[in-house]
């Protein structure tokens, strides 16, 4: 009898519930109110939201909301990178005739490009 109880437990709630309601509906002596209640339960059960339905809703909401959130979070970083680039442009104009300084500025610009690429700032994201 242990095996039959284990096998019974492996059935899903929906399977067990459906079996029970069908068995009860087949009883000829059941009163009308009980049949109506069981019919209503079957109706509700068929239309219940499943875990997969909830997952799909969450995925859709995340896909819709996340880009805007990311854009808001990256806005201060974009402003800082833009400020650094502007400062580098100013230094390049002031020290254009000094070869060593312009090399340092070019190196800093390369580093800023790497940072922008890493943060995904090279492509514009609409806020």
C-alpha atoms as a PDB file:
ATOM      1  CA  UNK A   1       0.000   0.000   0.000  1.00  0.00           C
ATOM      2  CA  UNK A   2       2.998   2.328   0.410  1.00  0.00           C
ATOM      3  CA  UNK A   3       3.557   2.394  -3.337  1.00  0.00           C
ATOM      4  CA  UNK A   4      -0.009   3.409  -4.086  1.00  0.00           C
ATOM      5  CA  UNK A   5       0.146   6.340  -1.656  1.00  0.00           C
ATOM      6  CA  UNK A   6       3.437   7.537  -3.192  1.00  0.00           C
ATOM      7  CA  UNK A   7       1.969   7.253  -6.664  1.00  0.00           C
ATOM      8  CA  UNK A   8      -1.085   9.168  -5.490  1.00  0.00           C
ATOM      9  CA  UNK A   9       1.100  11.979  -4.115  1.00  0.00           C
ATOM     10  CA  UNK A  10       2.943  12.352  -7.415  1.00  0.00           C
ATOM     11  CA  UNK A  11      -0.239  13.397  -9.178  1.00  0.00           C
ATOM     12  CA  UNK A  12      -0.697  17.129  -9.383  1.00  0.00           C
ATOM     13  CA  UNK A  13      -3.331  18.941  -7.413  1.00  0.00           C
ATOM     14  CA  UNK A  14      -5.192  19.689 -10.619  1.00  0.00           C
ATOM     15  CA  UNK A  15      -5.273  15.988 -11.559  1.00  0.00           C
ATOM     16  CA  UNK A  16      -6.444  14.945  -8.110  1.00  0.00           C
ATOM     17  CA  UNK A  17      -9.030  17.723  -7.962  1.00  0.00           C
ATOM     18  CA  UNK A  18     -10.371  16.945 -11.443  1.00  0.00           C
ATOM     19  CA  UNK A  19     -10.668  13.251 -10.581  1.00  0.00           C
ATOM     20  CA  UNK A  20     -12.553  14.066  -7.386  1.00  0.00           C
ATOM     21  CA  UNK A  21     -14.967  16.457  -9.044  1.00  0.00           C
ATOM     22  CA  UNK A  22     -15.707  14.025 -11.870  1.00  0.00           C
ATOM     23  CA  UNK A  23     -16.312  11.217  -9.406  1.00  0.00           C
ATOM     24  CA  UNK A  24     -18.645  13.419  -7.397  1.00  0.00           C
ATOM     25  CA  UNK A  25     -20.548  14.594 -10.445  1.00  0.00           C
ATOM     26  CA  UNK A  26     -21.215  10.995 -11.413  1.00  0.00           C
ATOM     27  CA  UNK A  27     -23.025  10.220  -8.204  1.00  0.00           C
ATOM     28  CA  UNK A  28     -26.690   9.971  -8.973  1.00  0.00           C
ATOM     29  CA  UNK A  29     -27.885  10.964  -5.496  1.00  0.00           C
ATOM     30  CA  UNK A  30     -25.995  14.268  -5.352  1.00  0.00           C
ATOM     31  CA  UNK A  31     -28.157  17.275  -4.742  1.00  0.00           C
ATOM     32  CA  UNK A  32     -28.340  20.184  -7.177  1.00  0.00           C
ATOM     33  CA  UNK A  33     -26.432  22.691  -4.950  1.00  0.00           C
ATOM     34  CA  UNK A  34     -23.405  20.427  -4.674  1.00  0.00           C
ATOM     35  CA  UNK A  35     -23.369  19.898  -8.443  1.00  0.00           C
ATOM     36  CA  UNK A  36     -23.559  23.667  -8.977  1.00  0.00           C
ATOM     37  CA  UNK A  37     -20.682  24.236  -6.561  1.00  0.00           C
ATOM     38  CA  UNK A  38     -18.531  21.606  -8.263  1.00  0.00           C
ATOM     39  CA  UNK A  39     -19.348  23.032 -11.681  1.00  0.00           C
ATOM     40  CA  UNK A  40     -18.346  26.498 -10.472  1.00  0.00           C
ATOM     41  CA  UNK A  41     -15.090  25.102  -9.061  1.00  0.00           C
ATOM     42  CA  UNK A  42     -14.292  23.414 -12.372  1.00  0.00           C
ATOM     43  CA  UNK A  43     -15.011  26.686 -14.181  1.00  0.00           C
ATOM     44  CA  UNK A  44     -12.617  28.587 -11.879  1.00  0.00           C
ATOM     45  CA  UNK A  45      -9.971  25.881 -12.042  1.00  0.00           C
ATOM     46  CA  UNK A  46      -9.916  25.928 -15.866  1.00  0.00           C
ATOM     47  CA  UNK A  47      -9.366  29.689 -15.941  1.00  0.00           C
ATOM     48  CA  UNK A  48      -6.842  30.007 -13.101  1.00  0.00           C
ATOM     49  CA  UNK A  49      -3.557  31.707 -13.881  1.00  0.00           C
ATOM     50  CA  UNK A  50      -0.663  29.274 -13.916  1.00  0.00           C
ATOM     51  CA  UNK A  51       2.893  29.894 -12.757  1.00  0.00           C
ATOM     52  CA  UNK A  52       3.953  30.058 -16.400  1.00  0.00           C
ATOM     53  CA  UNK A  53       1.323  32.753 -17.064  1.00  0.00           C
ATOM     54  CA  UNK A  54       2.751  34.795 -14.201  1.00  0.00           C
ATOM     55  CA  UNK A  55       6.301  34.268 -15.504  1.00  0.00           C
ATOM     56  CA  UNK A  56       5.289  35.546 -18.954  1.00  0.00           C
ATOM     57  CA  UNK A  57       3.696  38.644 -17.432  1.00  0.00           C
ATOM     58  CA  UNK A  58       6.811  39.344 -15.344  1.00  0.00           C
ATOM     59  CA  UNK A  59       9.102  38.860 -18.358  1.00  0.00           C
ATOM     60  CA  UNK A  60       7.023  41.290 -20.412  1.00  0.00           C
ATOM     61  CA  UNK A  61       7.027  43.892 -17.633  1.00  0.00           C
ATOM     62  CA  UNK A  62      10.778  43.549 -17.107  1.00  0.00           C
ATOM     63  CA  UNK A  63      11.449  43.894 -20.830  1.00  0.00           C
ATOM     64  CA  UNK A  64       9.377  47.066 -20.839  1.00  0.00           C
ATOM     65  CA  UNK A  65      10.711  48.700 -17.650  1.00  0.00           C
ATOM     66  CA  UNK A  66      14.399  47.767 -17.483  1.00  0.00           C
ATOM     67  CA  UNK A  67      15.693  49.873 -20.418  1.00  0.00           C
ATOM     68  CA  UNK A  68      14.249  53.039 -18.845  1.00  0.00           C
ATOM     69  CA  UNK A  69      15.702  52.175 -15.441  1.00  0.00           C
ATOM     70  CA  UNK A  70      19.123  51.503 -16.962  1.00  0.00           C
ATOM     71  CA  UNK A  71      19.005  54.801 -18.855  1.00  0.00           C
ATOM     72  CA  UNK A  72      18.231  56.687 -15.633  1.00  0.00           C
ATOM     73  CA  UNK A  73      21.034  54.923 -13.766  1.00  0.00           C
ATOM     74  CA  UNK A  74      23.553  55.640 -16.550  1.00  0.00           C
ATOM     75  CA  UNK A  75      22.654  59.320 -16.935  1.00  0.00           C
ATOM     76  CA  UNK A  76      25.087  60.547 -14.219  1.00  0.00           C
ATOM     77  CA  UNK A  77      27.844  58.372 -15.670  1.00  0.00           C
ATOM     78  CA  UNK A  78      27.260  59.782 -19.129  1.00  0.00           C
ATOM     79  CA  UNK A  79      27.468  63.302 -17.760  1.00  0.00           C
ATOM     80  CA  UNK A  80      30.753  62.524 -15.976  1.00  0.00           C
ATOM     81  CA  UNK A  81      32.267  60.918 -19.078  1.00  0.00           C
ATOM     82  CA  UNK A  82      31.148  63.893 -21.177  1.00  0.00           C
ATOM     83  CA  UNK A  83      32.758  66.242 -18.616  1.00  0.00           C
ATOM     84  CA  UNK A  84      36.023  64.266 -18.781  1.00  0.00           C
ATOM     85  CA  UNK A  85      35.977  64.376 -22.588  1.00  0.00           C
ATOM     86  CA  UNK A  86      35.389  68.143 -22.532  1.00  0.00           C
ATOM     87  CA  UNK A  87      38.299  68.622 -20.121  1.00  0.00           C
ATOM     88  CA  UNK A  88      40.540  66.500 -22.349  1.00  0.00           C
ATOM     89  CA  UNK A  89      39.539  68.614 -25.362  1.00  0.00           C
ATOM     90  CA  UNK A  90      40.435  71.754 -23.414  1.00  0.00           C
ATOM     91  CA  UNK A  91      43.818  70.331 -22.420  1.00  0.00           C
ATOM     92  CA  UNK A  92      44.498  69.250 -25.989  1.00  0.00           C
ATOM     93  CA  UNK A  93      43.859  72.788 -27.239  1.00  0.00           C
ATOM     94  CA  UNK A  94      46.093  74.350 -24.563  1.00  0.00           C
ATOM     95  CA  UNK A  95      49.014  71.954 -24.974  1.00  0.00           C
ATOM     96  CA  UNK A  96      48.776  71.079 -28.671  1.00  0.00           C
ATOM     97  CA  UNK A  97      52.420  71.969 -29.241  1.00  0.00           C
ATOM     98  CA  UNK A  98      53.777  69.695 -26.470  1.00  0.00           C
ATOM     99  CA  UNK A  99      54.204  66.212 -27.871  1.00  0.00           C
ATOM    100  CA  UNK A 100      54.358  64.330 -24.525  1.00  0.00           C
ATOM    101  CA  UNK A 101      51.199  65.954 -23.165  1.00  0.00           C
ATOM    102  CA  UNK A 102      49.165  65.215 -26.293  1.00  0.00           C
ATOM    103  CA  UNK A 103      50.256  61.569 -26.081  1.00  0.00           C
ATOM    104  CA  UNK A 104      49.005  61.447 -22.471  1.00  0.00           C
ATOM    105  CA  UNK A 105      45.708  63.033 -23.555  1.00  0.00           C
ATOM    106  CA  UNK A 106      45.329  60.479 -26.353  1.00  0.00           C
ATOM    107  CA  UNK A 107      45.982  57.669 -23.849  1.00  0.00           C
ATOM    108  CA  UNK A 108      43.317  59.093 -21.532  1.00  0.00           C
ATOM    109  CA  UNK A 109      40.859  59.307 -24.421  1.00  0.00           C
ATOM    110  CA  UNK A 110      41.479  55.635 -25.217  1.00  0.00           C
ATOM    111  CA  UNK A 111      40.781  54.765 -21.589  1.00  0.00           C
ATOM    112  CA  UNK A 112      37.561  56.795 -21.668  1.00  0.00           C
ATOM    113  CA  UNK A 113      36.483  54.914 -24.841  1.00  0.00           C
ATOM    114  CA  UNK A 114      37.158  51.583 -23.115  1.00  0.00           C
ATOM    115  CA  UNK A 115      35.110  52.677 -20.084  1.00  0.00           C
ATOM    116  CA  UNK A 116      32.259  53.852 -22.332  1.00  0.00           C
ATOM    117  CA  UNK A 117      32.308  50.562 -24.230  1.00  0.00           C
ATOM    118  CA  UNK A 118      32.319  48.562 -20.990  1.00  0.00           C
ATOM    119  CA  UNK A 119      29.380  50.541 -19.594  1.00  0.00           C
ATOM    120  CA  UNK A 120      27.519  50.437 -22.918  1.00  0.00           C
ATOM    121  CA  UNK A 121      27.584  54.227 -23.196  1.00  0.00           C
ATOM    122  CA  UNK A 122      28.807  54.231 -26.782  1.00  0.00           C
ATOM    123  CA  UNK A 123      25.251  53.592 -27.989  1.00  0.00           C
ATOM    124  CA  UNK A 124      22.550  56.047 -27.066  1.00  0.00           C
ATOM    125  CA  UNK A 125      19.657  54.679 -24.996  1.00  0.00           C
ATOM    126  CA  UNK A 126      16.448  56.705 -25.096  1.00  0.00           C
ATOM    127  CA  UNK A 127      15.293  57.700 -21.627  1.00  0.00           C
END
